[in-house]
Amino acid sequence: MNTEGWIVTYSVSEIDEEDAVRFDHGDRTFAIYRTSRSEFFVTDGYCTHEKFHLAGGLVSGDIIECPKHNGQLNFKTGEPKRAPICKKINTYPVKVEGGKVFIKID
């Protein structure tokens, strides 16, 4: 972590386009998404419907589909897009510097 509260996660090359990876920090879990245009986004790691990790889900455009019940969330805004997910998920700032992906969770 640097002095501004940013936490280094992965190298850009470690996250495929249209994919999501799990990132654990302390006792918290996050999902980091990379779009087909190489944009990065971060949400809490667990689906708001049932506590199942989103990183195993299908990424398409700006949507993550939960691998358990196929509910969908917009990972850019946190808004639910398909049942059974009906509760918004937390999103967090992300930046890329020096080929590394950083998140700010506080």
N, C-alpha and C. Protein backbone atom coordinates (compact mmCIF):
# COMPACT_ATOMS: atom_id res chain seq x y z
N MET A 1 0.86 -1.18 0.00
CA MET A 1 0.00 0.00 0.00
C MET A 1 0.90 1.24 0.00
N ASN A 2 0.51 2.25 -0.78
CA ASN A 2 1.30 3.47 -0.77
C ASN A 2 0.69 4.48 0.21
N THR A 3 1.28 5.65 0.29
CA THR A 3 0.85 6.62 1.30
C THR A 3 -0.53 7.20 1.05
N GLU A 4 -1.06 7.06 -0.14
CA GLU A 4 -2.38 7.61 -0.43
C GLU A 4 -3.49 6.59 -0.23
N GLY A 5 -3.18 5.41 0.29
CA GLY A 5 -4.20 4.41 0.55
C GLY A 5 -4.49 3.46 -0.60
N TRP A 6 -3.75 3.54 -1.68
CA TRP A 6 -3.94 2.64 -2.81
C TRP A 6 -3.21 1.32 -2.55
N ILE A 7 -3.85 0.21 -2.90
CA ILE A 7 -3.29 -1.12 -2.67
C ILE A 7 -2.98 -1.75 -4.02
N VAL A 8 -1.75 -2.21 -4.18
CA VAL A 8 -1.37 -2.89 -5.42
C VAL A 8 -1.97 -4.30 -5.41
N THR A 9 -2.52 -4.72 -6.54
CA THR A 9 -3.18 -6.02 -6.62
C THR A 9 -2.43 -6.95 -7.58
N TYR A 10 -2.63 -6.78 -8.85
CA TYR A 10 -2.05 -7.63 -9.89
C TYR A 10 -1.35 -6.78 -10.93
N SER A 11 -0.52 -7.44 -11.73
CA SER A 11 -0.02 -6.82 -12.96
C SER A 11 -1.15 -6.84 -13.96
N VAL A 12 -1.20 -5.85 -14.82
CA VAL A 12 -2.23 -5.79 -15.86
C VAL A 12 -2.25 -7.09 -16.66
N SER A 13 -1.09 -7.64 -16.96
CA SER A 13 -0.99 -8.85 -17.78
C SER A 13 -1.54 -10.10 -17.08
N GLU A 14 -1.78 -10.03 -15.79
CA GLU A 14 -2.31 -11.19 -15.05
C GLU A 14 -3.83 -11.29 -15.11
N ILE A 15 -4.49 -10.27 -15.64
CA ILE A 15 -5.95 -10.27 -15.73
C ILE A 15 -6.34 -10.23 -17.20
N ASP A 16 -6.98 -11.28 -17.67
CA ASP A 16 -7.40 -11.35 -19.07
C ASP A 16 -8.53 -10.38 -19.34
N GLU A 17 -8.65 -9.97 -20.61
CA GLU A 17 -9.79 -9.15 -21.00
C GLU A 17 -11.07 -9.95 -20.84
N GLU A 18 -12.14 -9.25 -20.46
CA GLU A 18 -13.45 -9.85 -20.18
C GLU A 18 -13.34 -10.99 -19.17
N ASP A 19 -12.66 -10.68 -18.06
CA ASP A 19 -12.48 -11.65 -16.99
C ASP A 19 -12.58 -10.94 -15.65
N ALA A 20 -12.72 -11.74 -14.61
CA ALA A 20 -12.74 -11.24 -13.24
C ALA A 20 -11.83 -12.13 -12.41
N VAL A 21 -11.06 -11.51 -11.52
CA VAL A 21 -10.17 -12.26 -10.64
C VAL A 21 -10.47 -11.89 -9.19
N ARG A 22 -10.19 -12.82 -8.33
CA ARG A 22 -10.39 -12.63 -6.90
C ARG A 22 -9.15 -11.95 -6.30
N PHE A 23 -9.40 -11.02 -5.37
CA PHE A 23 -8.32 -10.38 -4.64
C PHE A 23 -8.73 -10.30 -3.17
N ASP A 24 -7.92 -10.89 -2.30
CA ASP A 24 -8.17 -10.87 -0.87
C ASP A 24 -7.21 -9.89 -0.21
N HIS A 25 -7.77 -9.09 0.70
CA HIS A 25 -6.96 -8.13 1.44
C HIS A 25 -7.47 -8.11 2.88
N GLY A 26 -6.63 -8.52 3.80
CA GLY A 26 -7.07 -8.63 5.19
C GLY A 26 -8.19 -9.65 5.26
N ASP A 27 -9.30 -9.28 5.87
CA ASP A 27 -10.43 -10.19 5.97
C ASP A 27 -11.50 -9.89 4.93
N ARG A 28 -11.14 -9.13 3.90
CA ARG A 28 -12.09 -8.75 2.85
C ARG A 28 -11.72 -9.38 1.52
N THR A 29 -12.74 -9.59 0.69
CA THR A 29 -12.56 -10.18 -0.63
C THR A 29 -13.18 -9.27 -1.67
N PHE A 30 -12.47 -9.12 -2.79
CA PHE A 30 -12.90 -8.25 -3.87
C PHE A 30 -12.86 -9.01 -5.19
N ALA A 31 -13.55 -8.46 -6.18
CA ALA A 31 -13.46 -8.95 -7.55
C ALA A 31 -12.95 -7.80 -8.40
N ILE A 32 -11.93 -8.07 -9.20
CA ILE A 32 -11.36 -7.08 -10.10
C ILE A 32 -11.71 -7.52 -11.52
N TYR A 33 -12.31 -6.61 -12.28
CA TYR A 33 -12.79 -6.90 -13.63
C TYR A 33 -11.96 -6.16 -14.66
N ARG A 34 -11.74 -6.82 -15.80
CA ARG A 34 -11.10 -6.17 -16.94
C ARG A 34 -12.04 -6.30 -18.13
N THR A 35 -12.37 -5.18 -18.75
CA THR A 35 -13.27 -5.19 -19.89
C THR A 35 -12.49 -5.48 -21.17
N SER A 36 -13.21 -5.64 -22.27
CA SER A 36 -12.58 -5.88 -23.56
C SER A 36 -11.79 -4.67 -24.04
N ARG A 37 -12.06 -3.51 -23.45
CA ARG A 37 -11.30 -2.29 -23.79
C ARG A 37 -10.19 -2.02 -22.78
N SER A 38 -9.86 -3.03 -21.99
CA SER A 38 -8.80 -2.94 -20.97
C SER A 38 -9.07 -1.87 -19.92
N GLU A 39 -10.34 -1.68 -19.57
CA GLU A 39 -10.70 -0.86 -18.42
C GLU A 39 -10.80 -1.79 -17.22
N PHE A 40 -10.51 -1.26 -16.03
CA PHE A 40 -10.54 -2.06 -14.82
C PHE A 40 -11.56 -1.49 -13.84
N PHE A 41 -12.25 -2.40 -13.14
CA PHE A 41 -13.26 -2.04 -12.15
C PHE A 41 -13.15 -2.99 -10.97
N VAL A 42 -13.64 -2.55 -9.80
CA VAL A 42 -13.57 -3.38 -8.59
C VAL A 42 -14.90 -3.32 -7.84
N THR A 43 -15.33 -4.49 -7.35
CA THR A 43 -16.50 -4.58 -6.47
C THR A 43 -16.14 -5.46 -5.29
N ASP A 44 -17.06 -5.51 -4.32
CA ASP A 44 -16.94 -6.54 -3.30
C ASP A 44 -16.88 -7.87 -4.04
N GLY A 45 -16.27 -8.86 -3.42
CA GLY A 45 -16.05 -10.12 -4.09
C GLY A 45 -17.22 -11.08 -4.11
N TYR A 46 -18.15 -10.89 -3.19
CA TYR A 46 -19.25 -11.84 -3.07
C TYR A 46 -20.55 -11.26 -3.61
N CYS A 47 -21.31 -12.11 -4.27
CA CYS A 47 -22.64 -11.76 -4.77
C CYS A 47 -23.51 -11.32 -3.60
N THR A 48 -24.37 -10.35 -3.85
CA THR A 48 -25.25 -9.86 -2.80
C THR A 48 -26.47 -10.77 -2.58
N HIS A 49 -26.71 -11.70 -3.47
CA HIS A 49 -27.83 -12.63 -3.33
C HIS A 49 -27.49 -13.73 -2.33
N GLU A 50 -26.43 -14.45 -2.60
CA GLU A 50 -25.90 -15.44 -1.67
C GLU A 50 -24.40 -15.28 -1.70
N LYS A 51 -23.75 -15.57 -0.64
CA LYS A 51 -22.31 -15.31 -0.53
C LYS A 51 -21.53 -16.30 -1.39
N PHE A 52 -21.48 -16.00 -2.69
CA PHE A 52 -20.74 -16.82 -3.64
C PHE A 52 -19.83 -15.89 -4.42
N HIS A 53 -18.58 -16.31 -4.62
CA HIS A 53 -17.59 -15.41 -5.21
C HIS A 53 -17.87 -15.12 -6.68
N LEU A 54 -17.85 -13.85 -7.02
CA LEU A 54 -18.14 -13.41 -8.37
C LEU A 54 -17.02 -13.67 -9.37
N ALA A 55 -15.79 -13.83 -8.90
CA ALA A 55 -14.66 -14.00 -9.82
C ALA A 55 -14.78 -15.25 -10.69
N GLY A 56 -15.61 -16.19 -10.33
CA GLY A 56 -15.83 -17.36 -11.18
C GLY A 56 -16.90 -17.15 -12.22
N GLY A 57 -17.48 -15.95 -12.28
CA GLY A 57 -18.59 -15.69 -13.18
C GLY A 57 -18.18 -15.23 -14.56
N LEU A 58 -19.16 -15.14 -15.43
CA LEU A 58 -18.97 -14.72 -16.81
C LEU A 58 -19.03 -13.20 -16.91
N VAL A 59 -18.01 -12.60 -17.54
CA VAL A 59 -17.97 -11.16 -17.78
C VAL A 59 -18.35 -10.91 -19.23
N SER A 60 -19.32 -10.04 -19.43
CA SER A 60 -19.75 -9.67 -20.78
C SER A 60 -20.10 -8.20 -20.78
N GLY A 61 -19.32 -7.41 -21.51
CA GLY A 61 -19.51 -5.96 -21.49
C GLY A 61 -19.23 -5.43 -20.10
N ASP A 62 -20.22 -4.82 -19.46
CA ASP A 62 -20.05 -4.30 -18.09
C ASP A 62 -20.87 -5.10 -17.08
N ILE A 63 -21.17 -6.36 -17.43
CA ILE A 63 -21.99 -7.23 -16.60
C ILE A 63 -21.18 -8.43 -16.12
N ILE A 64 -21.36 -8.77 -14.84
CA ILE A 64 -20.84 -10.01 -14.28
C ILE A 64 -22.05 -10.89 -13.96
N GLU A 65 -21.96 -12.13 -14.39
CA GLU A 65 -23.02 -13.09 -14.09
C GLU A 65 -22.54 -14.01 -12.99
N CYS A 66 -23.25 -14.04 -11.88
CA CYS A 66 -22.87 -14.87 -10.75
C CYS A 66 -22.89 -16.34 -11.18
N PRO A 67 -21.84 -17.08 -10.87
CA PRO A 67 -21.77 -18.48 -11.29
C PRO A 67 -22.72 -19.41 -10.55
N LYS A 68 -23.33 -18.95 -9.46
CA LYS A 68 -24.20 -19.84 -8.69
C LYS A 68 -25.63 -19.87 -9.21
N HIS A 69 -26.27 -18.70 -9.33
CA HIS A 69 -27.67 -18.66 -9.74
C HIS A 69 -27.91 -17.83 -10.99
N ASN A 70 -26.84 -17.42 -11.66
CA ASN A 70 -26.91 -16.68 -12.92
C ASN A 70 -27.54 -15.30 -12.83
N GLY A 71 -27.62 -14.75 -11.62
CA GLY A 71 -28.03 -13.36 -11.48
C GLY A 71 -26.94 -12.47 -12.07
N GLN A 72 -27.30 -11.23 -12.40
CA GLN A 72 -26.33 -10.34 -13.02
C GLN A 72 -26.25 -9.00 -12.31
N LEU A 73 -25.03 -8.45 -12.29
CA LEU A 73 -24.74 -7.13 -11.74
C LEU A 73 -23.95 -6.32 -12.75
N ASN A 74 -24.16 -5.01 -12.76
CA ASN A 74 -23.30 -4.12 -13.52
C ASN A 74 -22.11 -3.80 -12.62
N PHE A 75 -20.92 -4.24 -12.99
CA PHE A 75 -19.77 -4.05 -12.11
C PHE A 75 -19.22 -2.63 -12.16
N LYS A 76 -19.66 -1.81 -13.10
CA LYS A 76 -19.24 -0.41 -13.14
C LYS A 76 -20.03 0.41 -12.13
N THR A 77 -21.33 0.11 -12.01
CA THR A 77 -22.22 0.90 -11.14
C THR A 77 -22.63 0.17 -9.87
N GLY A 78 -22.52 -1.16 -9.87
CA GLY A 78 -22.96 -1.97 -8.74
C GLY A 78 -24.43 -2.34 -8.78
N GLU A 79 -25.16 -1.87 -9.78
CA GLU A 79 -26.60 -2.09 -9.87
C GLU A 79 -26.94 -3.53 -10.28
N PRO A 80 -27.93 -4.13 -9.63
CA PRO A 80 -28.39 -5.46 -10.04
C PRO A 80 -29.08 -5.36 -11.40
N LYS A 81 -28.90 -6.39 -12.24
CA LYS A 81 -29.48 -6.38 -13.58
C LYS A 81 -30.37 -7.57 -13.87
N ARG A 82 -30.23 -8.64 -13.11
CA ARG A 82 -31.11 -9.80 -13.32
C ARG A 82 -31.24 -10.56 -12.01
N ALA A 83 -32.49 -10.98 -11.74
CA ALA A 83 -32.78 -11.77 -10.54
C ALA A 83 -32.02 -13.09 -10.62
N PRO A 84 -31.68 -13.64 -9.47
CA PRO A 84 -32.21 -13.32 -8.16
C PRO A 84 -31.48 -12.19 -7.43
N ILE A 85 -30.51 -11.56 -8.08
CA ILE A 85 -29.82 -10.45 -7.43
C ILE A 85 -30.72 -9.22 -7.43
N CYS A 86 -30.93 -8.64 -6.25
CA CYS A 86 -31.79 -7.45 -6.17
C CYS A 86 -31.15 -6.35 -5.33
N LYS A 87 -29.97 -6.59 -4.79
CA LYS A 87 -29.30 -5.60 -3.94
C LYS A 87 -28.01 -5.13 -4.62
N LYS A 88 -27.79 -3.83 -4.58
CA LYS A 88 -26.60 -3.21 -5.17
C LYS A 88 -25.33 -3.72 -4.47
N ILE A 89 -24.26 -3.82 -5.22
CA ILE A 89 -22.96 -4.22 -4.67
C ILE A 89 -22.07 -2.99 -4.57
N ASN A 90 -21.16 -2.98 -3.62
CA ASN A 90 -20.22 -1.87 -3.46
C ASN A 90 -19.18 -1.89 -4.56
N THR A 91 -18.86 -0.70 -5.08
CA THR A 91 -17.79 -0.53 -6.06
C THR A 91 -16.70 0.33 -5.44
N TYR A 92 -15.49 0.24 -5.99
CA TYR A 92 -14.34 0.94 -5.42
C TYR A 92 -13.49 1.57 -6.51
N PRO A 93 -12.76 2.64 -6.18
CA PRO A 93 -11.87 3.26 -7.16
C PRO A 93 -10.74 2.30 -7.55
N VAL A 94 -10.34 2.41 -8.80
CA VAL A 94 -9.24 1.60 -9.33
C VAL A 94 -8.41 2.47 -10.26
N LYS A 95 -7.11 2.20 -10.30
CA LYS A 95 -6.24 2.91 -11.24
C LYS A 95 -5.14 1.96 -11.69
N VAL A 96 -4.55 2.28 -12.83
CA VAL A 96 -3.44 1.50 -13.37
C VAL A 96 -2.24 2.43 -13.48
N GLU A 97 -1.14 2.00 -12.88
CA GLU A 97 0.11 2.76 -12.95
C GLU A 97 1.27 1.79 -13.07
N GLY A 98 2.18 2.05 -13.99
CA GLY A 98 3.37 1.22 -14.11
C GLY A 98 3.06 -0.24 -14.38
N GLY A 99 1.97 -0.51 -15.09
CA GLY A 99 1.60 -1.88 -15.42
C GLY A 99 0.97 -2.65 -14.27
N LYS A 100 0.62 -1.95 -13.18
CA LYS A 100 0.01 -2.58 -12.02
C LYS A 100 -1.39 -2.02 -11.80
N VAL A 101 -2.28 -2.86 -11.27
CA VAL A 101 -3.65 -2.46 -10.95
C VAL A 101 -3.72 -2.16 -9.46
N PHE A 102 -4.19 -0.96 -9.11
CA PHE A 102 -4.31 -0.52 -7.72
C PHE A 102 -5.79 -0.31 -7.40
N ILE A 103 -6.17 -0.62 -6.16
CA ILE A 103 -7.53 -0.35 -5.71
C ILE A 103 -7.47 0.47 -4.43
N LYS A 104 -8.55 1.23 -4.19
CA LYS A 104 -8.68 2.00 -2.96
C LYS A 104 -9.96 1.56 -2.28
N ILE A 105 -9.82 0.95 -1.11
CA ILE A 105 -10.99 0.33 -0.47
C ILE A 105 -11.44 1.03 0.80
N ASP A 106 -10.74 2.04 1.24
CA ASP A 106 -11.15 2.75 2.45
C ASP A 106 -11.68 4.12 2.13
